[in-house]
């Protein structure tokens, strides 16, 4: 909104906020050994978030096909993504200190 008011319409910050976590999460999970169990649930969460972004990007297509916007469906899949984070946090347990990949 701030860049729109300045007449620039710069969406770079929005793009970073939306897409950087999708790139950074797998890299972080690869580079740093897990300290808790169920870390792979974060990959499930990421996968559902990617599915949500696909539905958001094809908003008009789904609205014309099924009468429900892709944006609406996106919210459902974002909820599923958040569920996987909840599941991971609820079920995780510390790993032994000598854990290796």
PDB file of N, CA and C in Angstrom:
ATOM      1  N   UNK A   1       0.830  -1.188   0.000  1.00  0.00           N
ATOM      2  CA  UNK A   1       0.000   0.000   0.000  1.00  0.00           C
ATOM      3  C   UNK A   1       0.877   1.256   0.000  1.00  0.00           C
ATOM      4  N   UNK A   2       2.008   1.187   0.718  1.00  0.00           N
ATOM      5  CA  UNK A   2       2.860   2.361   0.806  1.00  0.00           C
ATOM      6  C   UNK A   2       3.451   2.718  -0.560  1.00  0.00           C
ATOM      7  N   UNK A   3       3.925   1.712  -1.309  1.00  0.00           N
ATOM      8  CA  UNK A   3       4.507   2.016  -2.624  1.00  0.00           C
ATOM      9  C   UNK A   3       3.428   2.425  -3.629  1.00  0.00           C
ATOM     10  N   UNK A   4       2.220   1.908  -3.461  1.00  0.00           N
ATOM     11  CA  UNK A   4       1.111   2.338  -4.315  1.00  0.00           C
ATOM     12  C   UNK A   4       0.817   3.823  -4.100  1.00  0.00           C
ATOM     13  N   UNK A   5       0.831   4.247  -2.865  1.00  0.00           N
ATOM     14  CA  UNK A   5       0.566   5.652  -2.554  1.00  0.00           C
ATOM     15  C   UNK A   5       1.649   6.559  -3.138  1.00  0.00           C
ATOM     16  N   UNK A   6       2.866   6.028  -3.259  1.00  0.00           N
ATOM     17  CA  UNK A   6       3.962   6.800  -3.844  1.00  0.00           C
ATOM     18  C   UNK A   6       3.944   6.746  -5.372  1.00  0.00           C
ATOM     19  N   UNK A   7       3.020   5.936  -5.918  1.00  0.00           N
ATOM     20  CA  UNK A   7       2.893   5.834  -7.370  1.00  0.00           C
ATOM     21  C   UNK A   7       3.841   4.845  -8.020  1.00  0.00           C
ATOM     22  N   UNK A   8       4.450   3.964  -7.211  1.00  0.00           N
ATOM     23  CA  UNK A   8       5.419   3.014  -7.764  1.00  0.00           C
ATOM     24  C   UNK A   8       4.847   1.618  -7.946  1.00  0.00           C
ATOM     25  N   UNK A   9       3.992   1.184  -7.040  1.00  0.00           N
ATOM     26  CA  UNK A   9       3.405  -0.159  -7.124  1.00  0.00           C
ATOM     27  C   UNK A   9       4.448  -1.262  -7.062  1.00  0.00           C
ATOM     28  N   UNK A  10       5.440  -1.116  -6.209  1.00  0.00           N
ATOM     29  CA  UNK A  10       6.541  -2.070  -6.102  1.00  0.00           C
ATOM     30  C   UNK A  10       6.123  -3.258  -5.236  1.00  0.00           C
ATOM     31  N   UNK A  11       6.082  -4.447  -5.819  1.00  0.00           N
ATOM     32  CA  UNK A  11       5.647  -5.649  -5.105  1.00  0.00           C
ATOM     33  C   UNK A  11       6.804  -6.558  -4.704  1.00  0.00           C
ATOM     34  N   UNK A  12       8.034  -6.069  -4.783  1.00  0.00           N
ATOM     35  CA  UNK A  12       9.177  -6.921  -4.455  1.00  0.00           C
ATOM     36  C   UNK A  12       9.146  -7.402  -3.007  1.00  0.00           C
ATOM     37  N   UNK A  13       8.824  -6.519  -2.072  1.00  0.00           N
ATOM     38  CA  UNK A  13       8.777  -6.927  -0.668  1.00  0.00           C
ATOM     39  C   UNK A  13       7.695  -7.989  -0.464  1.00  0.00           C
ATOM     40  N   UNK A  14       6.545  -7.805  -1.081  1.00  0.00           N
ATOM     41  CA  UNK A  14       5.462  -8.802  -1.016  1.00  0.00           C
ATOM     42  C   UNK A  14       5.938 -10.149  -1.562  1.00  0.00           C
ATOM     43  N   UNK A  15       6.643 -10.116  -2.680  1.00  0.00           N
ATOM     44  CA  UNK A  15       7.145 -11.357  -3.283  1.00  0.00           C
ATOM     45  C   UNK A  15       8.136 -12.058  -2.361  1.00  0.00           C
ATOM     46  N   UNK A  16       8.981 -11.288  -1.709  1.00  0.00           N
ATOM     47  CA  UNK A  16       9.944 -11.880  -0.776  1.00  0.00           C
ATOM     48  C   UNK A  16       9.207 -12.549   0.380  1.00  0.00           C
ATOM     49  N   UNK A  17       8.229 -11.866   0.937  1.00  0.00           N
ATOM     50  CA  UNK A  17       7.469 -12.413   2.068  1.00  0.00           C
ATOM     51  C   UNK A  17       6.717 -13.671   1.659  1.00  0.00           C
ATOM     52  N   UNK A  18       6.175 -13.701   0.454  1.00  0.00           N
ATOM     53  CA  UNK A  18       5.370 -14.831  -0.008  1.00  0.00           C
ATOM     54  C   UNK A  18       6.208 -16.034  -0.423  1.00  0.00           C
ATOM     55  N   UNK A  19       7.358 -15.799  -1.065  1.00  0.00           N
ATOM     56  CA  UNK A  19       8.067 -16.905  -1.702  1.00  0.00           C
ATOM     57  C   UNK A  19       9.392 -17.285  -1.045  1.00  0.00           C
ATOM     58  N   UNK A  20      10.025 -16.385  -0.312  1.00  0.00           N
ATOM     59  CA  UNK A  20      11.300 -16.726   0.321  1.00  0.00           C
ATOM     60  C   UNK A  20      11.187 -17.915   1.275  1.00  0.00           C
ATOM     61  N   UNK A  21      10.140 -17.995   2.110  1.00  0.00           N
ATOM     62  CA  UNK A  21      10.043 -19.167   2.995  1.00  0.00           C
ATOM     63  C   UNK A  21       9.978 -20.497   2.239  1.00  0.00           C
ATOM     64  N   UNK A  22       9.380 -20.498   1.050  1.00  0.00           N
ATOM     65  CA  UNK A  22       9.301 -21.741   0.272  1.00  0.00           C
ATOM     66  C   UNK A  22      10.685 -22.180  -0.199  1.00  0.00           C
ATOM     67  N   UNK A  23      11.566 -21.232  -0.409  1.00  0.00           N
ATOM     68  CA  UNK A  23      12.933 -21.557  -0.823  1.00  0.00           C
ATOM     69  C   UNK A  23      13.831 -21.825   0.382  1.00  0.00           C
ATOM     70  N   UNK A  24      13.654 -21.044   1.434  1.00  0.00           N
ATOM     71  CA  UNK A  24      14.544 -21.141   2.590  1.00  0.00           C
ATOM     72  C   UNK A  24      14.286 -22.376   3.450  1.00  0.00           C
ATOM     73  N   UNK A  25      13.050 -22.799   3.585  1.00  0.00           N
ATOM     74  CA  UNK A  25      12.735 -23.917   4.473  1.00  0.00           C
ATOM     75  C   UNK A  25      13.482 -25.197   4.110  1.00  0.00           C
ATOM     76  N   UNK A  26      13.452 -25.647   2.856  1.00  0.00           N
ATOM     77  CA  UNK A  26      14.205 -26.869   2.540  1.00  0.00           C
ATOM     78  C   UNK A  26      15.711 -26.698   2.739  1.00  0.00           C
ATOM     79  N   UNK A  27      16.228 -25.517   2.437  1.00  0.00           N
ATOM     80  CA  UNK A  27      17.663 -25.266   2.614  1.00  0.00           C
ATOM     81  C   UNK A  27      18.036 -25.343   4.091  1.00  0.00           C
ATOM     82  N   UNK A  28      17.238 -24.722   4.939  1.00  0.00           N
ATOM     83  CA  UNK A  28      17.502 -24.751   6.381  1.00  0.00           C
ATOM     84  C   UNK A  28      17.403 -26.173   6.921  1.00  0.00           C
ATOM     85  N   UNK A  29      16.386 -26.904   6.484  1.00  0.00           N
ATOM     86  CA  UNK A  29      16.240 -28.284   6.947  1.00  0.00           C
ATOM     87  C   UNK A  29      17.400 -29.162   6.489  1.00  0.00           C
ATOM     88  N   UNK A  30      17.966 -28.854   5.331  1.00  0.00           N
ATOM     89  CA  UNK A  30      19.109 -29.626   4.826  1.00  0.00           C
ATOM     90  C   UNK A  30      20.406 -29.251   5.555  1.00  0.00           C
ATOM     91  N   UNK A  31      20.605 -27.964   5.791  1.00  0.00           N
ATOM     92  CA  UNK A  31      21.872 -27.496   6.356  1.00  0.00           C
ATOM     93  C   UNK A  31      22.020 -27.744   7.848  1.00  0.00           C
ATOM     94  N   UNK A  32      20.921 -27.761   8.580  1.00  0.00           N
ATOM     95  CA  UNK A  32      20.995 -27.892  10.029  1.00  0.00           C
ATOM     96  C   UNK A  32      20.353 -29.194  10.477  1.00  0.00           C
ATOM     97  N   UNK A  33      21.098 -30.015  11.198  1.00  0.00           N
ATOM     98  CA  UNK A  33      20.518 -31.286  11.655  1.00  0.00           C
ATOM     99  C   UNK A  33      19.366 -31.036  12.625  1.00  0.00           C
ATOM    100  N   UNK A  34      18.344 -31.872  12.566  1.00  0.00           N
ATOM    101  CA  UNK A  34      17.194 -31.665  13.453  1.00  0.00           C
ATOM    102  C   UNK A  34      17.562 -31.925  14.909  1.00  0.00           C
ATOM    103  N   UNK A  35      16.934 -31.194  15.798  1.00  0.00           N
ATOM    104  CA  UNK A  35      17.107 -31.417  17.232  1.00  0.00           C
ATOM    105  C   UNK A  35      15.861 -32.062  17.826  1.00  0.00           C
ATOM    106  N   UNK A  36      14.807 -32.153  17.031  1.00  0.00           N
ATOM    107  CA  UNK A  36      13.541 -32.743  17.485  1.00  0.00           C
ATOM    108  C   UNK A  36      13.032 -33.719  16.434  1.00  0.00           C
ATOM    109  N   UNK A  37      12.183 -34.628  16.878  1.00  0.00           N
ATOM    110  CA  UNK A  37      11.536 -35.542  15.947  1.00  0.00           C
ATOM    111  C   UNK A  37      10.476 -34.784  15.142  1.00  0.00           C
ATOM    112  N   UNK A  38       9.960 -35.416  14.127  1.00  0.00           N
ATOM    113  CA  UNK A  38       8.857 -34.908  13.300  1.00  0.00           C
ATOM    114  C   UNK A  38       9.212 -33.649  12.498  1.00  0.00           C
ATOM    115  N   UNK A  39      10.484 -33.426  12.265  1.00  0.00           N
ATOM    116  CA  UNK A  39      10.896 -32.258  11.490  1.00  0.00           C
ATOM    117  C   UNK A  39      10.384 -32.341  10.054  1.00  0.00           C
ATOM    118  N   UNK A  40      10.229 -33.542   9.534  1.00  0.00           N
ATOM    119  CA  UNK A  40       9.748 -33.697   8.159  1.00  0.00           C
ATOM    120  C   UNK A  40       8.324 -33.161   7.966  1.00  0.00           C
ATOM    121  N   UNK A  41       7.602 -32.989   9.045  1.00  0.00           N
ATOM    122  CA  UNK A  41       6.262 -32.402   8.948  1.00  0.00           C
ATOM    123  C   UNK A  41       6.334 -30.990   8.373  1.00  0.00           C
ATOM    124  N   UNK A  42       7.465 -30.323   8.563  1.00  0.00           N
ATOM    125  CA  UNK A  42       7.629 -28.995   7.968  1.00  0.00           C
ATOM    126  C   UNK A  42       7.633 -29.071   6.443  1.00  0.00           C
ATOM    127  N   UNK A  43       8.149 -30.163   5.903  1.00  0.00           N
ATOM    128  CA  UNK A  43       8.104 -30.336   4.439  1.00  0.00           C
ATOM    129  C   UNK A  43       6.674 -30.559   3.966  1.00  0.00           C
ATOM    130  N   UNK A  44       5.889 -31.294   4.754  1.00  0.00           N
ATOM    131  CA  UNK A  44       4.475 -31.453   4.414  1.00  0.00           C
ATOM    132  C   UNK A  44       3.769 -30.098   4.436  1.00  0.00           C
ATOM    133  N   UNK A  45       4.066 -29.319   5.466  1.00  0.00           N
ATOM    134  CA  UNK A  45       3.480 -27.989   5.565  1.00  0.00           C
ATOM    135  C   UNK A  45       3.853 -27.145   4.357  1.00  0.00           C
ATOM    136  N   UNK A  46       5.104 -27.187   3.992  1.00  0.00           N
ATOM    137  CA  UNK A  46       5.573 -26.440   2.833  1.00  0.00           C
ATOM    138  C   UNK A  46       4.877 -26.910   1.559  1.00  0.00           C
ATOM    139  N   UNK A  47       4.722 -28.211   1.407  1.00  0.00           N
ATOM    140  CA  UNK A  47       4.043 -28.750   0.226  1.00  0.00           C
ATOM    141  C   UNK A  47       2.614 -28.257   0.111  1.00  0.00           C
ATOM    142  N   UNK A  48       1.888 -28.250   1.217  1.00  0.00           N
ATOM    143  CA  UNK A  48       0.509 -27.756   1.190  1.00  0.00           C
ATOM    144  C   UNK A  48       0.459 -26.265   0.914  1.00  0.00           C
ATOM    145  N   UNK A  49       1.464 -25.541   1.385  1.00  0.00           N
ATOM    146  CA  UNK A  49       1.514 -24.100   1.102  1.00  0.00           C
ATOM    147  C   UNK A  49       1.738 -23.867  -0.394  1.00  0.00           C
ATOM    148  N   UNK A  50       2.582 -24.676  -1.010  1.00  0.00           N
ATOM    149  CA  UNK A  50       2.810 -24.568  -2.459  1.00  0.00           C
ATOM    150  C   UNK A  50       1.505 -24.855  -3.205  1.00  0.00           C
ATOM    151  N   UNK A  51       0.785 -25.886  -2.778  1.00  0.00           N
ATOM    152  CA  UNK A  51      -0.516 -26.190  -3.396  1.00  0.00           C
ATOM    153  C   UNK A  51      -1.453 -24.988  -3.252  1.00  0.00           C
ATOM    154  N   UNK A  52      -1.452 -24.381  -2.079  1.00  0.00           N
ATOM    155  CA  UNK A  52      -2.298 -23.195  -1.849  1.00  0.00           C
ATOM    156  C   UNK A  52      -1.926 -22.069  -2.807  1.00  0.00           C
ATOM    157  N   UNK A  53      -0.641 -21.849  -3.009  1.00  0.00           N
ATOM    158  CA  UNK A  53      -0.196 -20.780  -3.914  1.00  0.00           C
ATOM    159  C   UNK A  53      -0.601 -21.086  -5.359  1.00  0.00           C
ATOM    160  N   UNK A  54      -0.599 -22.341  -5.734  1.00  0.00           N
ATOM    161  CA  UNK A  54      -1.041 -22.719  -7.091  1.00  0.00           C
ATOM    162  C   UNK A  54      -2.517 -22.372  -7.263  1.00  0.00           C
ATOM    163  N   UNK A  55      -3.322 -22.701  -6.280  1.00  0.00           N
ATOM    164  CA  UNK A  55      -4.746 -22.360  -6.359  1.00  0.00           C
ATOM    165  C   UNK A  55      -4.948 -20.850  -6.393  1.00  0.00           C
ATOM    166  N   UNK A  56      -4.156 -20.127  -5.624  1.00  0.00           N
ATOM    167  CA  UNK A  56      -4.266 -18.672  -5.643  1.00  0.00           C
ATOM    168  C   UNK A  56      -3.908 -18.127  -7.023  1.00  0.00           C
ATOM    169  N   UNK A  57      -2.883 -18.697  -7.630  1.00  0.00           N
ATOM    170  CA  UNK A  57      -2.447 -18.231  -8.940  1.00  0.00           C
ATOM    171  C   UNK A  57      -3.392 -18.586 -10.076  1.00  0.00           C
ATOM    172  N   UNK A  58      -4.234 -19.572  -9.854  1.00  0.00           N
ATOM    173  CA  UNK A  58      -5.189 -19.996 -10.884  1.00  0.00           C
ATOM    174  C   UNK A  58      -6.618 -19.684 -10.438  1.00  0.00           C
ATOM    175  N   UNK A  59      -6.756 -18.573  -9.769  1.00  0.00           N
ATOM    176  CA  UNK A  59      -8.024 -18.137  -9.186  1.00  0.00           C
ATOM    177  C   UNK A  59      -9.168 -18.148 -10.200  1.00  0.00           C
ATOM    178  N   UNK A  60      -9.001 -17.479 -11.313  1.00  0.00           N
ATOM    179  CA  UNK A  60     -10.067 -17.374 -12.318  1.00  0.00           C
ATOM    180  C   UNK A  60     -10.428 -18.726 -12.924  1.00  0.00           C
ATOM    181  N   UNK A  61      -9.410 -19.533 -13.184  1.00  0.00           N
ATOM    182  CA  UNK A  61      -9.653 -20.847 -13.779  1.00  0.00           C
ATOM    183  C   UNK A  61     -10.604 -21.673 -12.916  1.00  0.00           C
ATOM    184  N   UNK A  62     -10.331 -21.755 -11.633  1.00  0.00           N
ATOM    185  CA  UNK A  62     -11.181 -22.560 -10.762  1.00  0.00           C
ATOM    186  C   UNK A  62     -12.554 -21.934 -10.571  1.00  0.00           C
ATOM    187  N   UNK A  63     -12.611 -20.610 -10.579  1.00  0.00           N
ATOM    188  CA  UNK A  63     -13.917 -19.973 -10.461  1.00  0.00           C
ATOM    189  C   UNK A  63     -14.794 -20.331 -11.658  1.00  0.00           C
ATOM    190  N   UNK A  64     -14.201 -20.347 -12.846  1.00  0.00           N
ATOM    191  CA  UNK A  64     -14.975 -20.690 -14.050  1.00  0.00           C
ATOM    192  C   UNK A  64     -15.293 -22.183 -14.115  1.00  0.00           C
ATOM    193  N   UNK A  65     -14.384 -23.023 -13.591  1.00  0.00           N
ATOM    194  CA  UNK A  65     -14.593 -24.473 -13.644  1.00  0.00           C
ATOM    195  C   UNK A  65     -15.618 -24.962 -12.615  1.00  0.00           C
ATOM    196  N   UNK A  66     -15.487 -24.499 -11.372  1.00  0.00           N
ATOM    197  CA  UNK A  66     -16.318 -25.067 -10.312  1.00  0.00           C
ATOM    198  C   UNK A  66     -17.146 -24.028  -9.561  1.00  0.00           C
ATOM    199  N   UNK A  67     -17.001 -22.767  -9.921  1.00  0.00           N
ATOM    200  CA  UNK A  67     -17.780 -21.721  -9.265  1.00  0.00           C
ATOM    201  C   UNK A  67     -17.241 -21.319  -7.904  1.00  0.00           C
ATOM    202  N   UNK A  68     -16.048 -21.756  -7.583  1.00  0.00           N
ATOM    203  CA  UNK A  68     -15.400 -21.417  -6.319  1.00  0.00           C
ATOM    204  C   UNK A  68     -14.017 -20.885  -6.655  1.00  0.00           C
ATOM    205  N   UNK A  69     -13.674 -19.733  -6.122  1.00  0.00           N
ATOM    206  CA  UNK A  69     -12.406 -19.113  -6.518  1.00  0.00           C
ATOM    207  C   UNK A  69     -11.215 -19.868  -5.950  1.00  0.00           C
ATOM    208  N   UNK A  70     -10.133 -19.825  -6.704  1.00  0.00           N
ATOM    209  CA  UNK A  70      -8.886 -20.414  -6.239  1.00  0.00           C
ATOM    210  C   UNK A  70      -8.406 -19.745  -4.965  1.00  0.00           C
ATOM    211  N   UNK A  71      -8.710 -18.467  -4.809  1.00  0.00           N
ATOM    212  CA  UNK A  71      -8.322 -17.742  -3.604  1.00  0.00           C
ATOM    213  C   UNK A  71      -9.009 -18.342  -2.371  1.00  0.00           C
ATOM    214  N   UNK A  72     -10.266 -18.695  -2.522  1.00  0.00           N
ATOM    215  CA  UNK A  72     -11.002 -19.324  -1.422  1.00  0.00           C
ATOM    216  C   UNK A  72     -10.400 -20.685  -1.092  1.00  0.00           C
ATOM    217  N   UNK A  73     -10.123 -21.467  -2.121  1.00  0.00           N
ATOM    218  CA  UNK A  73      -9.533 -22.797  -1.927  1.00  0.00           C
ATOM    219  C   UNK A  73      -8.155 -22.663  -1.287  1.00  0.00           C
ATOM    220  N   UNK A  74      -7.424 -21.608  -1.658  1.00  0.00           N
ATOM    221  CA  UNK A  74      -6.105 -21.356  -1.076  1.00  0.00           C
ATOM    222  C   UNK A  74      -6.186 -21.317   0.444  1.00  0.00           C
ATOM    223  N   UNK A  75      -7.206 -20.671   0.971  1.00  0.00           N
ATOM    224  CA  UNK A  75      -7.328 -20.561   2.419  1.00  0.00           C
ATOM    225  C   UNK A  75      -7.505 -21.927   3.083  1.00  0.00           C
ATOM    226  N   UNK A  76      -8.186 -22.820   2.428  1.00  0.00           N
ATOM    227  CA  UNK A  76      -8.351 -24.175   2.964  1.00  0.00           C
ATOM    228  C   UNK A  76      -6.999 -24.871   3.036  1.00  0.00           C
ATOM    229  N   UNK A  77      -6.225 -24.793   1.951  1.00  0.00           N
ATOM    230  CA  UNK A  77      -4.925 -25.464   1.929  1.00  0.00           C
ATOM    231  C   UNK A  77      -3.908 -24.784   2.847  1.00  0.00           C
ATOM    232  N   UNK A  78      -4.023 -23.482   3.052  1.00  0.00           N
ATOM    233  CA  UNK A  78      -3.168 -22.814   4.044  1.00  0.00           C
ATOM    234  C   UNK A  78      -3.492 -23.327   5.440  1.00  0.00           C
ATOM    235  N   UNK A  79      -4.765 -23.613   5.690  1.00  0.00           N
ATOM    236  CA  UNK A  79      -5.147 -24.215   6.961  1.00  0.00           C
ATOM    237  C   UNK A  79      -4.549 -25.597   7.139  1.00  0.00           C
ATOM    238  N   UNK A  80      -4.537 -26.381   6.066  1.00  0.00           N
ATOM    239  CA  UNK A  80      -3.917 -27.707   6.114  1.00  0.00           C
ATOM    240  C   UNK A  80      -2.417 -27.558   6.376  1.00  0.00           C
ATOM    241  N   UNK A  81      -1.796 -26.584   5.736  1.00  0.00           N
ATOM    242  CA  UNK A  81      -0.377 -26.319   5.959  1.00  0.00           C
ATOM    243  C   UNK A  81      -0.107 -25.976   7.419  1.00  0.00           C
ATOM    244  N   UNK A  82      -0.927 -25.131   7.989  1.00  0.00           N
ATOM    245  CA  UNK A  82      -0.766 -24.759   9.400  1.00  0.00           C
ATOM    246  C   UNK A  82      -0.990 -25.963  10.312  1.00  0.00           C
ATOM    247  N   UNK A  83      -1.893 -26.853   9.923  1.00  0.00           N
ATOM    248  CA  UNK A  83      -2.139 -28.063  10.713  1.00  0.00           C
ATOM    249  C   UNK A  83      -0.864 -28.889  10.847  1.00  0.00           C
ATOM    250  N   UNK A  84      -0.082 -29.010   9.762  1.00  0.00           N
ATOM    251  CA  UNK A  84       1.144 -29.795   9.807  1.00  0.00           C
ATOM    252  C   UNK A  84       2.165 -29.187  10.756  1.00  0.00           C
ATOM    253  N   UNK A  85       2.200 -27.868  10.853  1.00  0.00           N
ATOM    254  CA  UNK A  85       3.088 -27.225  11.822  1.00  0.00           C
ATOM    255  C   UNK A  85       2.599 -27.548  13.238  1.00  0.00           C
ATOM    256  N   UNK A  86       1.299 -27.433  13.457  1.00  0.00           N
ATOM    257  CA  UNK A  86       0.708 -27.778  14.751  1.00  0.00           C
ATOM    258  C   UNK A  86       1.025 -29.228  15.123  1.00  0.00           C
ATOM    259  N   UNK A  87       0.831 -30.137  14.165  1.00  0.00           N
ATOM    260  CA  UNK A  87       1.081 -31.559  14.399  1.00  0.00           C
ATOM    261  C   UNK A  87       2.535 -31.796  14.781  1.00  0.00           C
ATOM    262  N   UNK A  88       3.449 -31.140  14.077  1.00  0.00           N
ATOM    263  CA  UNK A  88       4.867 -31.284  14.376  1.00  0.00           C
ATOM    264  C   UNK A  88       5.169 -30.792  15.790  1.00  0.00           C
ATOM    265  N   UNK A  89       4.649 -29.636  16.140  1.00  0.00           N
ATOM    266  CA  UNK A  89       4.920 -29.080  17.468  1.00  0.00           C
ATOM    267  C   UNK A  89       4.305 -29.923  18.582  1.00  0.00           C
ATOM    268  N   UNK A  90       3.137 -30.486  18.315  1.00  0.00           N
ATOM    269  CA  UNK A  90       2.444 -31.292  19.317  1.00  0.00           C
ATOM    270  C   UNK A  90       3.144 -32.629  19.558  1.00  0.00           C
ATOM    271  N   UNK A  91       3.672 -33.240  18.500  1.00  0.00           N
ATOM    272  CA  UNK A  91       4.198 -34.597  18.601  1.00  0.00           C
ATOM    273  C   UNK A  91       5.714 -34.684  18.756  1.00  0.00           C
ATOM    274  N   UNK A  92       6.409 -33.591  18.604  1.00  0.00           N
ATOM    275  CA  UNK A  92       7.866 -33.676  18.586  1.00  0.00           C
ATOM    276  C   UNK A  92       8.431 -33.977  19.968  1.00  0.00           C
ATOM    277  N   UNK A  93       9.621 -34.562  19.926  1.00  0.00           N
ATOM    278  CA  UNK A  93      10.365 -34.867  21.142  1.00  0.00           C
ATOM    279  C   UNK A  93      11.838 -34.613  20.841  1.00  0.00           C
ATOM    280  N   UNK A  94      12.609 -34.253  21.846  1.00  0.00           N
ATOM    281  CA  UNK A  94      14.037 -34.017  21.607  1.00  0.00           C
ATOM    282  C   UNK A  94      14.732 -35.280  21.105  1.00  0.00           C
ATOM    283  N   UNK A  95      15.648 -35.074  20.184  1.00  0.00           N
ATOM    284  CA  UNK A  95      16.472 -36.178  19.708  1.00  0.00           C
ATOM    285  C   UNK A  95      17.718 -36.280  20.584  1.00  0.00           C
ATOM    286  N   UNK A  96      18.309 -37.447  20.652  1.00  0.00           N
ATOM    287  CA  UNK A  96      19.577 -37.557  21.408  1.00  0.00           C
ATOM    288  C   UNK A  96      20.615 -36.611  20.813  1.00  0.00           C
ATOM    289  N   UNK A  97      21.511 -36.115  21.643  1.00  0.00           N
ATOM    290  CA  UNK A  97      22.513 -35.132  21.201  1.00  0.00           C
ATOM    291  C   UNK A  97      23.436 -35.670  20.138  1.00  0.00           C
ATOM    292  N   UNK A  98      23.651 -36.959  20.067  1.00  0.00           N
ATOM    293  CA  UNK A  98      24.573 -37.529  19.087  1.00  0.00           C
ATOM    294  C   UNK A  98      23.887 -37.870  17.776  1.00  0.00           C
ATOM    295  N   UNK A  99      22.713 -37.318  17.522  1.00  0.00           N
ATOM    296  CA  UNK A  99      21.967 -37.629  16.305  1.00  0.00           C
ATOM    297  C   UNK A  99      22.720 -37.137  15.074  1.00  0.00           C
ATOM    298  N   UNK A 100      22.773 -37.986  14.075  1.00  0.00           N
ATOM    299  CA  UNK A 100      23.334 -37.572  12.785  1.00  0.00           C
ATOM    300  C   UNK A 100      22.330 -37.938  11.719  1.00  0.00           C
ATOM    301  N   UNK A 101      22.446 -37.298  10.582  1.00  0.00           N
ATOM    302  CA  UNK A 101      21.513 -37.549   9.488  1.00  0.00           C
ATOM    303  C   UNK A 101      21.646 -38.957   9.067  1.00  0.00           C
TER     304      UNK A 101
END
